[in-house]
C-alpha atoms as a PDB file:
ATOM      1  CA  UNK A   1       9.814 -27.852 -18.288  1.00  0.00           C
ATOM      2  CA  UNK A   2       6.295 -28.901 -17.344  1.00  0.00           C
ATOM      3  CA  UNK A   3       6.091 -32.611 -16.586  1.00  0.00           C
ATOM      4  CA  UNK A   4       3.280 -34.511 -18.296  1.00  0.00           C
ATOM      5  CA  UNK A   5       2.530 -38.084 -17.260  1.00  0.00           C
ATOM      6  CA  UNK A   6       1.831 -40.460 -14.390  1.00  0.00           C
ATOM      7  CA  UNK A   7       4.177 -41.701 -11.670  1.00  0.00           C
ATOM      8  CA  UNK A   8       3.143 -44.789  -9.689  1.00  0.00           C
ATOM      9  CA  UNK A   9       4.338 -43.752  -6.216  1.00  0.00           C
ATOM     10  CA  UNK A  10       4.730 -46.110  -3.259  1.00  0.00           C
ATOM     11  CA  UNK A  11       2.902 -44.283  -0.442  1.00  0.00           C
ATOM     12  CA  UNK A  12       4.395 -45.110   2.955  1.00  0.00           C
ATOM     13  CA  UNK A  13       2.367 -45.505   6.118  1.00  0.00           C
ATOM     14  CA  UNK A  14       1.926 -42.373   8.197  1.00  0.00           C
ATOM     15  CA  UNK A  15       1.350 -40.104   5.200  1.00  0.00           C
ATOM     16  CA  UNK A  16      -1.906 -39.000   3.624  1.00  0.00           C
ATOM     17  CA  UNK A  17      -2.386 -39.067  -0.128  1.00  0.00           C
ATOM     18  CA  UNK A  18      -2.377 -35.262  -0.046  1.00  0.00           C
ATOM     19  CA  UNK A  19       0.995 -35.362   1.732  1.00  0.00           C
ATOM     20  CA  UNK A  20       2.389 -37.309  -1.222  1.00  0.00           C
ATOM     21  CA  UNK A  21       0.938 -34.790  -3.681  1.00  0.00           C
ATOM     22  CA  UNK A  22       2.566 -31.976  -1.675  1.00  0.00           C
ATOM     23  CA  UNK A  23       5.923 -33.793  -1.809  1.00  0.00           C
ATOM     24  CA  UNK A  24       5.682 -34.165  -5.587  1.00  0.00           C
ATOM     25  CA  UNK A  25       4.796 -30.495  -5.961  1.00  0.00           C
ATOM     26  CA  UNK A  26       7.867 -29.592  -3.946  1.00  0.00           C
ATOM     27  CA  UNK A  27      10.138 -31.940  -5.898  1.00  0.00           C
ATOM     28  CA  UNK A  28       8.886 -30.961  -9.354  1.00  0.00           C
ATOM     29  CA  UNK A  29       8.263 -27.292  -8.725  1.00  0.00           C
ATOM     30  CA  UNK A  30       4.876 -27.440 -10.444  1.00  0.00           C
ATOM     31  CA  UNK A  31       1.404 -27.017  -8.997  1.00  0.00           C
ATOM     32  CA  UNK A  32      -0.562 -29.252 -11.345  1.00  0.00           C
ATOM     33  CA  UNK A  33      -0.237 -32.531  -9.424  1.00  0.00           C
ATOM     34  CA  UNK A  34      -3.012 -34.863  -8.294  1.00  0.00           C
ATOM     35  CA  UNK A  35      -3.555 -38.393  -6.992  1.00  0.00           C
ATOM     36  CA  UNK A  36      -5.915 -41.066  -8.290  1.00  0.00           C
ATOM     37  CA  UNK A  37      -7.606 -42.455  -5.204  1.00  0.00           C
ATOM     38  CA  UNK A  38      -7.121 -41.813  -1.500  1.00  0.00           C
ATOM     39  CA  UNK A  39      -5.143 -44.219   0.656  1.00  0.00           C
ATOM     40  CA  UNK A  40      -5.637 -43.997   4.428  1.00  0.00           C
ATOM     41  CA  UNK A  41      -2.556 -42.878   6.412  1.00  0.00           C
ATOM     42  CA  UNK A  42      -2.248 -46.368   7.961  1.00  0.00           C
ATOM     43  CA  UNK A  43      -2.246 -48.029   4.529  1.00  0.00           C
ATOM     44  CA  UNK A  44       0.790 -48.202   2.276  1.00  0.00           C
ATOM     45  CA  UNK A  45       0.903 -49.042  -1.378  1.00  0.00           C
ATOM     46  CA  UNK A  46       0.590 -48.012  -5.003  1.00  0.00           C
ATOM     47  CA  UNK A  47      -0.682 -44.451  -5.475  1.00  0.00           C
ATOM     48  CA  UNK A  48      -0.559 -43.209  -9.089  1.00  0.00           C
ATOM     49  CA  UNK A  49       0.233 -39.478  -9.194  1.00  0.00           C
ATOM     50  CA  UNK A  50      -0.693 -37.415 -12.264  1.00  0.00           C
ATOM     51  CA  UNK A  51       1.375 -34.418 -13.354  1.00  0.00           C
ATOM     52  CA  UNK A  52       0.592 -31.566 -15.734  1.00  0.00           C
ATOM     53  CA  UNK A  53      -2.254 -32.181 -18.147  1.00  0.00           C
ATOM     54  CA  UNK A  54      -2.265 -35.814 -17.036  1.00  0.00           C
ATOM     55  CA  UNK A  55      -4.283 -34.640 -14.014  1.00  0.00           C
ATOM     56  CA  UNK A  56      -7.192 -34.591 -16.479  1.00  0.00           C
ATOM     57  CA  UNK A  57      -7.106 -38.406 -16.758  1.00  0.00           C
ATOM     58  CA  UNK A  58      -6.997 -39.034 -12.992  1.00  0.00           C
ATOM     59  CA  UNK A  59     -10.729 -39.744 -12.922  1.00  0.00           C
ATOM     60  CA  UNK A  60     -10.352 -42.569 -15.457  1.00  0.00           C
ATOM     61  CA  UNK A  61      -7.508 -44.256 -13.557  1.00  0.00           C
ATOM     62  CA  UNK A  62      -9.441 -43.857 -10.320  1.00  0.00           C
ATOM     63  CA  UNK A  63     -12.379 -45.794 -11.785  1.00  0.00           C
ATOM     64  CA  UNK A  64     -10.252 -48.912 -12.367  1.00  0.00           C
ATOM     65  CA  UNK A  65     -10.185 -51.904  -9.962  1.00  0.00           C
ATOM     66  CA  UNK A  66      -7.632 -52.000  -7.157  1.00  0.00           C
ATOM     67  CA  UNK A  67      -5.918 -54.987  -5.555  1.00  0.00           C
ATOM     68  CA  UNK A  68      -5.004 -55.209  -1.875  1.00  0.00           C
ATOM     69  CA  UNK A  69      -3.125 -57.675   0.312  1.00  0.00           C
ATOM     70  CA  UNK A  70      -4.322 -57.557   3.880  1.00  0.00           C
ATOM     71  CA  UNK A  71      -5.144 -59.286   7.131  1.00  0.00           C
ATOM     72  CA  UNK A  72      -8.240 -59.382   9.289  1.00  0.00           C
ATOM     73  CA  UNK A  73      -8.570 -60.497  12.889  1.00  0.00           C
ATOM     74  CA  UNK A  74     -11.520 -62.472  14.207  1.00  0.00           C
ATOM     75  CA  UNK A  75     -12.259 -62.051  17.892  1.00  0.00           C
ATOM     76  CA  UNK A  76     -12.246 -58.277  18.339  1.00  0.00           C
ATOM     77  CA  UNK A  77     -14.079 -55.312  16.820  1.00  0.00           C
ATOM     78  CA  UNK A  78     -12.938 -51.671  16.937  1.00  0.00           C
ATOM     79  CA  UNK A  79     -14.649 -48.313  16.552  1.00  0.00           C
ATOM     80  CA  UNK A  80     -12.703 -47.621  13.323  1.00  0.00           C
ATOM     81  CA  UNK A  81     -13.050 -51.162  11.922  1.00  0.00           C
ATOM     82  CA  UNK A  82      -9.235 -51.376  11.741  1.00  0.00           C
ATOM     83  CA  UNK A  83      -6.197 -51.767  13.998  1.00  0.00           C
ATOM     84  CA  UNK A  84      -6.006 -48.049  14.811  1.00  0.00           C
ATOM     85  CA  UNK A  85      -9.283 -47.977  16.733  1.00  0.00           C
ATOM     86  CA  UNK A  86     -10.493 -48.624  20.249  1.00  0.00           C
ATOM     87  CA  UNK A  87     -11.654 -52.165  20.975  1.00  0.00           C
ATOM     88  CA  UNK A  88     -15.427 -52.370  21.298  1.00  0.00           C
ATOM     89  CA  UNK A  89     -16.047 -56.076  21.754  1.00  0.00           C
ATOM     90  CA  UNK A  90     -13.982 -59.220  22.224  1.00  0.00           C
ATOM     91  CA  UNK A  91     -14.937 -62.857  21.901  1.00  0.00           C
ATOM     92  CA  UNK A  92     -12.624 -65.881  21.910  1.00  0.00           C
ATOM     93  CA  UNK A  93     -12.527 -67.673  18.562  1.00  0.00           C
ATOM     94  CA  UNK A  94     -12.940 -71.431  18.749  1.00  0.00           C
ATOM     95  CA  UNK A  95     -11.711 -73.967  16.201  1.00  0.00           C
ATOM     96  CA  UNK A  96     -12.628 -72.792  12.706  1.00  0.00           C
ATOM     97  CA  UNK A  97     -12.261 -74.964   9.640  1.00  0.00           C
ATOM     98  CA  UNK A  98     -10.469 -73.156   6.774  1.00  0.00           C
ATOM     99  CA  UNK A  99     -13.193 -74.353   4.394  1.00  0.00           C
ATOM    100  CA  UNK A 100     -15.717 -72.367   6.443  1.00  0.00           C
ATOM    101  CA  UNK A 101     -13.637 -69.213   5.938  1.00  0.00           C
ATOM    102  CA  UNK A 102     -13.369 -69.903   2.201  1.00  0.00           C
ATOM    103  CA  UNK A 103     -17.139 -70.319   2.112  1.00  0.00           C
ATOM    104  CA  UNK A 104     -17.531 -66.924   3.767  1.00  0.00           C
ATOM    105  CA  UNK A 105     -15.188 -65.349   1.224  1.00  0.00           C
ATOM    106  CA  UNK A 106     -17.245 -66.853  -1.575  1.00  0.00           C
ATOM    107  CA  UNK A 107     -20.388 -65.197  -0.202  1.00  0.00           C
ATOM    108  CA  UNK A 108     -18.835 -61.753  -0.614  1.00  0.00           C
ATOM    109  CA  UNK A 109     -17.691 -62.048  -4.218  1.00  0.00           C
ATOM    110  CA  UNK A 110     -19.571 -60.232  -6.967  1.00  0.00           C
ATOM    111  CA  UNK A 111     -21.747 -57.184  -6.368  1.00  0.00           C
ATOM    112  CA  UNK A 112     -22.402 -56.488  -2.692  1.00  0.00           C
ATOM    113  CA  UNK A 113     -23.869 -53.658  -0.619  1.00  0.00           C
ATOM    114  CA  UNK A 114     -21.709 -51.896   1.956  1.00  0.00           C
ATOM    115  CA  UNK A 115     -22.603 -49.346   4.603  1.00  0.00           C
ATOM    116  CA  UNK A 116     -19.777 -46.745   4.679  1.00  0.00           C
ATOM    117  CA  UNK A 117     -17.908 -46.727   8.010  1.00  0.00           C
ATOM    118  CA  UNK A 118     -18.270 -43.715  10.291  1.00  0.00           C
ATOM    119  CA  UNK A 119     -14.583 -42.897   9.759  1.00  0.00           C
ATOM    120  CA  UNK A 120     -15.061 -42.401   6.001  1.00  0.00           C
ATOM    121  CA  UNK A 121     -15.224 -39.149   4.025  1.00  0.00           C
ATOM    122  CA  UNK A 122     -18.742 -39.763   2.696  1.00  0.00           C
ATOM    123  CA  UNK A 123     -21.009 -36.755   3.223  1.00  0.00           C
ATOM    124  CA  UNK A 124     -24.200 -37.141   5.235  1.00  0.00           C
ATOM    125  CA  UNK A 125     -26.248 -34.150   6.310  1.00  0.00           C
ATOM    126  CA  UNK A 126     -23.747 -31.768   4.770  1.00  0.00           C
ATOM    127  CA  UNK A 127     -20.835 -33.122   6.808  1.00  0.00           C
ATOM    128  CA  UNK A 128     -18.306 -35.888   6.333  1.00  0.00           C
ATOM    129  CA  UNK A 129     -18.903 -39.008   8.390  1.00  0.00           C
ATOM    130  CA  UNK A 130     -15.562 -38.752  10.176  1.00  0.00           C
ATOM    131  CA  UNK A 131     -16.599 -35.297  11.414  1.00  0.00           C
ATOM    132  CA  UNK A 132     -19.693 -36.812  13.027  1.00  0.00           C
ATOM    133  CA  UNK A 133     -17.551 -39.632  14.427  1.00  0.00           C
ATOM    134  CA  UNK A 134     -15.139 -37.195  16.076  1.00  0.00           C
ATOM    135  CA  UNK A 135     -18.093 -35.869  18.077  1.00  0.00           C
ATOM    136  CA  UNK A 136     -18.957 -39.390  19.168  1.00  0.00           C
ATOM    137  CA  UNK A 137     -22.080 -39.486  17.012  1.00  0.00           C
ATOM    138  CA  UNK A 138     -23.261 -42.240  14.689  1.00  0.00           C
ATOM    139  CA  UNK A 139     -25.628 -41.224  11.895  1.00  0.00           C
ATOM    140  CA  UNK A 140     -27.707 -43.365   9.506  1.00  0.00           C
ATOM    141  CA  UNK A 141     -25.925 -44.146   6.221  1.00  0.00           C
ATOM    142  CA  UNK A 142     -27.179 -45.577   2.966  1.00  0.00           C
ATOM    143  CA  UNK A 143     -25.631 -48.778   1.680  1.00  0.00           C
ATOM    144  CA  UNK A 144     -23.570 -48.501  -1.496  1.00  0.00           C
ATOM    145  CA  UNK A 145     -23.139 -51.090  -4.221  1.00  0.00           C
ATOM    146  CA  UNK A 146     -19.548 -52.187  -4.893  1.00  0.00           C
ATOM    147  CA  UNK A 147     -17.990 -55.141  -6.694  1.00  0.00           C
ATOM    148  CA  UNK A 148     -15.565 -57.749  -5.399  1.00  0.00           C
ATOM    149  CA  UNK A 149     -13.872 -59.325  -8.418  1.00  0.00           C
ATOM    150  CA  UNK A 150     -11.603 -61.685  -6.476  1.00  0.00           C
ATOM    151  CA  UNK A 151     -11.289 -62.573  -2.794  1.00  0.00           C
ATOM    152  CA  UNK A 152      -8.930 -65.330  -1.699  1.00  0.00           C
ATOM    153  CA  UNK A 153      -7.506 -66.505   1.598  1.00  0.00           C
ATOM    154  CA  UNK A 154      -3.692 -66.513   1.487  1.00  0.00           C
ATOM    155  CA  UNK A 155      -2.938 -67.620   5.047  1.00  0.00           C
ATOM    156  CA  UNK A 156      -4.116 -67.775   8.647  1.00  0.00           C
ATOM    157  CA  UNK A 157      -2.745 -68.137  12.132  1.00  0.00           C
ATOM    158  CA  UNK A 158      -3.643 -68.031  15.821  1.00  0.00           C
ATOM    159  CA  UNK A 159      -2.990 -64.935  17.924  1.00  0.00           C
ATOM    160  CA  UNK A 160      -4.025 -66.031  21.405  1.00  0.00           C
ATOM    161  CA  UNK A 161      -7.821 -66.214  21.520  1.00  0.00           C
ATOM    162  CA  UNK A 162      -8.019 -64.513  18.122  1.00  0.00           C
ATOM    163  CA  UNK A 163      -7.604 -65.746  14.577  1.00  0.00           C
ATOM    164  CA  UNK A 164      -5.703 -63.833  11.896  1.00  0.00           C
ATOM    165  CA  UNK A 165      -6.801 -64.374   8.292  1.00  0.00           C
ATOM    166  CA  UNK A 166      -4.592 -63.135   5.464  1.00  0.00           C
ATOM    167  CA  UNK A 167      -6.249 -62.365   2.142  1.00  0.00           C
ATOM    168  CA  UNK A 168      -5.974 -60.734  -1.258  1.00  0.00           C
ATOM    169  CA  UNK A 169      -8.854 -58.819  -2.806  1.00  0.00           C
ATOM    170  CA  UNK A 170      -9.450 -57.189  -6.195  1.00  0.00           C
ATOM    171  CA  UNK A 171     -12.300 -54.708  -5.856  1.00  0.00           C
ATOM    172  CA  UNK A 172     -14.036 -51.764  -7.469  1.00  0.00           C
ATOM    173  CA  UNK A 173     -13.609 -48.110  -6.648  1.00  0.00           C
ATOM    174  CA  UNK A 174     -15.398 -47.159  -3.441  1.00  0.00           C
ATOM    175  CA  UNK A 175     -14.919 -50.496  -1.676  1.00  0.00           C
ATOM    176  CA  UNK A 176     -14.162 -50.260   2.041  1.00  0.00           C
ATOM    177  CA  UNK A 177     -11.929 -53.246   2.769  1.00  0.00           C
ATOM    178  CA  UNK A 178     -12.210 -52.631   6.520  1.00  0.00           C
ATOM    179  CA  UNK A 179     -15.996 -52.945   6.242  1.00  0.00           C
ATOM    180  CA  UNK A 180     -15.575 -56.090   4.152  1.00  0.00           C
ATOM    181  CA  UNK A 181     -13.549 -57.598   7.003  1.00  0.00           C
ATOM    182  CA  UNK A 182     -16.195 -56.676   9.582  1.00  0.00           C
ATOM    183  CA  UNK A 183     -18.988 -58.107   7.417  1.00  0.00           C
ATOM    184  CA  UNK A 184     -17.097 -61.360   6.836  1.00  0.00           C
ATOM    185  CA  UNK A 185     -16.549 -61.636  10.581  1.00  0.00           C
ATOM    186  CA  UNK A 186     -20.274 -61.133  11.186  1.00  0.00           C
ATOM    187  CA  UNK A 187     -21.072 -63.879   8.655  1.00  0.00           C
ATOM    188  CA  UNK A 188     -18.729 -66.196  10.566  1.00  0.00           C
ATOM    189  CA  UNK A 189     -20.306 -65.155  13.876  1.00  0.00           C
ATOM    190  CA  UNK A 190     -17.412 -63.165  15.367  1.00  0.00           C
ATOM    191  CA  UNK A 191     -16.456 -59.527  15.936  1.00  0.00           C
ATOM    192  CA  UNK A 192     -13.678 -58.589  13.513  1.00  0.00           C
ATOM    193  CA  UNK A 193     -11.473 -55.797  12.250  1.00  0.00           C
ATOM    194  CA  UNK A 194      -8.888 -55.198   9.532  1.00  0.00           C
ATOM    195  CA  UNK A 195      -5.380 -55.389  10.983  1.00  0.00           C
ATOM    196  CA  UNK A 196      -3.212 -54.712   7.907  1.00  0.00           C
ATOM    197  CA  UNK A 197      -3.699 -53.440   4.352  1.00  0.00           C
ATOM    198  CA  UNK A 198      -1.360 -52.829   1.417  1.00  0.00           C
ATOM    199  CA  UNK A 199      -2.482 -51.684  -2.026  1.00  0.00           C
ATOM    200  CA  UNK A 200      -0.469 -53.820  -4.452  1.00  0.00           C
ATOM    201  CA  UNK A 201      -2.198 -52.699  -7.671  1.00  0.00           C
ATOM    202  CA  UNK A 202      -4.074 -49.612  -8.831  1.00  0.00           C
ATOM    203  CA  UNK A 203      -5.434 -49.956 -12.356  1.00  0.00           C
ATOM    204  CA  UNK A 204      -2.503 -50.708 -14.700  1.00  0.00           C
ATOM    205  CA  UNK A 205       0.141 -50.081 -12.013  1.00  0.00           C
ATOM    206  CA  UNK A 206       1.544 -52.875  -9.839  1.00  0.00           C
ATOM    207  CA  UNK A 207       3.728 -53.069  -6.740  1.00  0.00           C
ATOM    208  CA  UNK A 208       6.846 -53.670  -8.865  1.00  0.00           C
ATOM    209  CA  UNK A 209       6.153 -50.485 -10.865  1.00  0.00           C
ATOM    210  CA  UNK A 210       5.990 -48.202  -7.833  1.00  0.00           C
ATOM    211  CA  UNK A 211       8.712 -45.673  -6.982  1.00  0.00           C
ATOM    212  CA  UNK A 212       9.454 -44.645  -3.394  1.00  0.00           C
ATOM    213  CA  UNK A 213       9.670 -41.025  -2.284  1.00  0.00           C
ATOM    214  CA  UNK A 214      13.350 -41.578  -1.493  1.00  0.00           C
ATOM    215  CA  UNK A 215      13.948 -42.723  -5.070  1.00  0.00           C
ATOM    216  CA  UNK A 216      11.998 -39.741  -6.389  1.00  0.00           C
ATOM    217  CA  UNK A 217      14.188 -37.450  -4.312  1.00  0.00           C
ATOM    218  CA  UNK A 218      17.188 -38.795  -6.227  1.00  0.00           C
ATOM    219  CA  UNK A 219      15.306 -38.379  -9.527  1.00  0.00           C
ATOM    220  CA  UNK A 220      14.595 -34.752  -8.619  1.00  0.00           C
ATOM    221  CA  UNK A 221      18.265 -34.181  -7.801  1.00  0.00           C
ATOM    222  CA  UNK A 222      19.386 -35.607 -11.143  1.00  0.00           C
ATOM    223  CA  UNK A 223      16.476 -34.150 -13.107  1.00  0.00           C
ATOM    224  CA  UNK A 224      15.857 -37.408 -15.003  1.00  0.00           C
ATOM    225  CA  UNK A 225      12.050 -37.420 -14.586  1.00  0.00           C
ATOM    226  CA  UNK A 226      11.610 -39.175 -17.936  1.00  0.00           C
ATOM    227  CA  UNK A 227      12.919 -42.359 -16.251  1.00  0.00           C
ATOM    228  CA  UNK A 228       9.865 -42.567 -13.981  1.00  0.00           C
ATOM    229  CA  UNK A 229       7.120 -40.774 -15.932  1.00  0.00           C
ATOM    230  CA  UNK A 230       4.572 -43.049 -17.591  1.00  0.00           C
ATOM    231  CA  UNK A 231       2.948 -41.488 -20.690  1.00  0.00           C
ATOM    232  CA  UNK A 232      -0.730 -40.746 -19.990  1.00  0.00           C
ATOM    233  CA  UNK A 233      -1.979 -42.923 -22.840  1.00  0.00           C
ATOM    234  CA  UNK A 234      -0.084 -45.903 -21.403  1.00  0.00           C
ATOM    235  CA  UNK A 235      -2.181 -45.517 -18.247  1.00  0.00           C
ATOM    236  CA  UNK A 236      -5.330 -45.671 -20.387  1.00  0.00           C
ATOM    237  CA  UNK A 237      -4.588 -48.895 -22.220  1.00  0.00           C
ATOM    238  CA  UNK A 238      -7.993 -50.301 -21.282  1.00  0.00           C
ATOM    239  CA  UNK A 239      -9.549 -47.920 -23.829  1.00  0.00           C
ATOM    240  CA  UNK A 240      -9.382 -48.861 -27.536  1.00  0.00           C
ATOM    241  CA  UNK A 241      -7.310 -46.669 -29.848  1.00  0.00           C
ATOM    242  CA  UNK A 242      -8.170 -44.732 -32.979  1.00  0.00           C
ATOM    243  CA  UNK A 243      -5.729 -43.339 -35.565  1.00  0.00           C
ATOM    244  CA  UNK A 244      -6.522 -40.172 -37.503  1.00  0.00           C
ATOM    245  CA  UNK A 245      -4.670 -38.695 -40.468  1.00  0.00           C
ATOM    246  CA  UNK A 246      -2.013 -36.055 -39.874  1.00  0.00           C
ATOM    247  CA  UNK A 247      -4.244 -33.541 -41.634  1.00  0.00           C
ATOM    248  CA  UNK A 248      -6.942 -34.099 -38.985  1.00  0.00           C
ATOM    249  CA  UNK A 249      -4.580 -33.440 -36.075  1.00  0.00           C
ATOM    250  CA  UNK A 250      -5.292 -29.736 -35.710  1.00  0.00           C
ATOM    251  CA  UNK A 251      -9.026 -30.348 -35.914  1.00  0.00           C
ATOM    252  CA  UNK A 252      -8.764 -32.881 -33.081  1.00  0.00           C
ATOM    253  CA  UNK A 253      -6.761 -30.430 -30.967  1.00  0.00           C
ATOM    254  CA  UNK A 254      -9.448 -27.835 -31.640  1.00  0.00           C
ATOM    255  CA  UNK A 255     -12.170 -30.195 -30.419  1.00  0.00           C
ATOM    256  CA  UNK A 256     -13.613 -31.166 -33.775  1.00  0.00           C
ATOM    257  CA  UNK A 257     -16.115 -34.016 -33.938  1.00  0.00           C
ATOM    258  CA  UNK A 258     -14.862 -37.015 -35.920  1.00  0.00           C
ATOM    259  CA  UNK A 259     -16.662 -38.895 -38.663  1.00  0.00           C
ATOM    260  CA  UNK A 260     -15.042 -42.354 -38.706  1.00  0.00           C
ATOM    261  CA  UNK A 261     -14.305 -44.000 -42.043  1.00  0.00           C
ATOM    262  CA  UNK A 262     -14.721 -47.421 -40.447  1.00  0.00           C
ATOM    263  CA  UNK A 263     -17.571 -47.703 -37.933  1.00  0.00           C
ATOM    264  CA  UNK A 264     -16.626 -49.329 -34.639  1.00  0.00           C
ATOM    265  CA  UNK A 265     -18.548 -52.062 -32.853  1.00  0.00           C
ATOM    266  CA  UNK A 266     -21.981 -50.835 -31.782  1.00  0.00           C
ATOM    267  CA  UNK A 267     -21.233 -52.090 -28.253  1.00  0.00           C
ATOM    268  CA  UNK A 268     -18.447 -49.503 -28.017  1.00  0.00           C
ATOM    269  CA  UNK A 269     -20.927 -46.612 -28.347  1.00  0.00           C
ATOM    270  CA  UNK A 270     -20.809 -44.430 -25.243  1.00  0.00           C
ATOM    271  CA  UNK A 271     -17.272 -45.523 -24.465  1.00  0.00           C
ATOM    272  CA  UNK A 272     -13.960 -43.703 -24.755  1.00  0.00           C
ATOM    273  CA  UNK A 273     -11.205 -44.151 -27.354  1.00  0.00           C
ATOM    274  CA  UNK A 274      -7.616 -42.920 -27.393  1.00  0.00           C
ATOM    275  CA  UNK A 275      -6.932 -40.787 -30.456  1.00  0.00           C
ATOM    276  CA  UNK A 276      -3.504 -40.878 -32.153  1.00  0.00           C
ATOM    277  CA  UNK A 277      -2.065 -39.315 -35.275  1.00  0.00           C
ATOM    278  CA  UNK A 278      -0.435 -41.466 -37.943  1.00  0.00           C
ATOM    279  CA  UNK A 279       2.924 -40.481 -36.408  1.00  0.00           C
ATOM    280  CA  UNK A 280       1.875 -42.034 -33.105  1.00  0.00           C
ATOM    281  CA  UNK A 281       1.197 -38.828 -31.180  1.00  0.00           C
ATOM    282  CA  UNK A 282      -1.452 -39.221 -28.483  1.00  0.00           C
ATOM    283  CA  UNK A 283      -3.590 -36.105 -28.635  1.00  0.00           C
ATOM    284  CA  UNK A 284      -7.047 -36.767 -27.183  1.00  0.00           C
ATOM    285  CA  UNK A 285      -9.685 -38.946 -25.599  1.00  0.00           C
ATOM    286  CA  UNK A 286     -12.915 -39.078 -27.606  1.00  0.00           C
ATOM    287  CA  UNK A 287     -16.280 -40.578 -26.744  1.00  0.00           C
ATOM    288  CA  UNK A 288     -18.274 -42.538 -29.326  1.00  0.00           C
ATOM    289  CA  UNK A 289     -21.710 -41.007 -29.906  1.00  0.00           C
ATOM    290  CA  UNK A 290     -22.475 -43.541 -32.645  1.00  0.00           C
ATOM    291  CA  UNK A 291     -20.492 -46.355 -34.298  1.00  0.00           C
ATOM    292  CA  UNK A 292     -19.090 -43.820 -36.789  1.00  0.00           C
ATOM    293  CA  UNK A 293     -19.159 -40.540 -34.825  1.00  0.00           C
ATOM    294  CA  UNK A 294     -16.903 -39.476 -31.933  1.00  0.00           C
ATOM    295  CA  UNK A 295     -16.878 -36.268 -29.917  1.00  0.00           C
ATOM    296  CA  UNK A 296     -14.011 -34.817 -27.852  1.00  0.00           C
ATOM    297  CA  UNK A 297     -13.833 -35.656 -24.156  1.00  0.00           C
ATOM    298  CA  UNK A 298     -10.275 -34.551 -23.252  1.00  0.00           C
ATOM    299  CA  UNK A 299      -7.801 -32.872 -25.601  1.00  0.00           C
ATOM    300  CA  UNK A 300      -4.066 -32.657 -24.842  1.00  0.00           C
ATOM    301  CA  UNK A 301      -2.193 -29.808 -26.475  1.00  0.00           C
ATOM    302  CA  UNK A 302       1.599 -30.065 -26.484  1.00  0.00           C
ATOM    303  CA  UNK A 303       1.582 -31.998 -23.183  1.00  0.00           C
END
């Protein structure tokens, strides 16, 4: 049986996202497995894994905001911008009013520009930045626009001459939280780095939804994958739905354009809709070309 759906996996520290995909391939015995957004080996958290034809919706889940709980340290910078790197600069942190930190957090909400860190996988000059970094080279990088939806301080505490600041952030795809920590530190006038990060939400999946690899091992042994598989359309609940008649089902599966009896809101034009039959079968994602015309984007045949 080919599995078709999404499993929100809890990725442990020490594993890459590709390691998790490899584990799921081994457990399920199928090759069509993919993740929805890389997590660094030092970061644990929610990593939705798509199986079967659900790998075709990975790009849409990946585009959704992600929430992290983390900590940053003022008073020391590192060459990786996180706790795994070599310390570059240290400076004792004097008394700092919490309201000043909250003010700094406020400055970084909304759309901001970030320069990708040298340890990232962004390509510059035909090579990934981390490849340049391994050779001890730093190359010019273009800033990228990202969005910080929420950024709140959740705690703080002294660590010798340094100050630890705990936070929670909801951000867009492509946000480098480690760089956010460094930039906040610079705004406050101190070297800084990210010391801890946990992804607690990825799109529609939350910490409490996630399944550990140990639990999945037991699922594989019992063969009860339906207990952990989330139907692909449930992972796409942010898209509106559209119901077609049973007689139109085969046309949808064949990639037929749809003429809608009831035009949708003009503002929805260009967006995606989930297409269901009257019996409730999810069979496709369509894109609105006009308020009353939709064309196929992804079609799902028999899972």
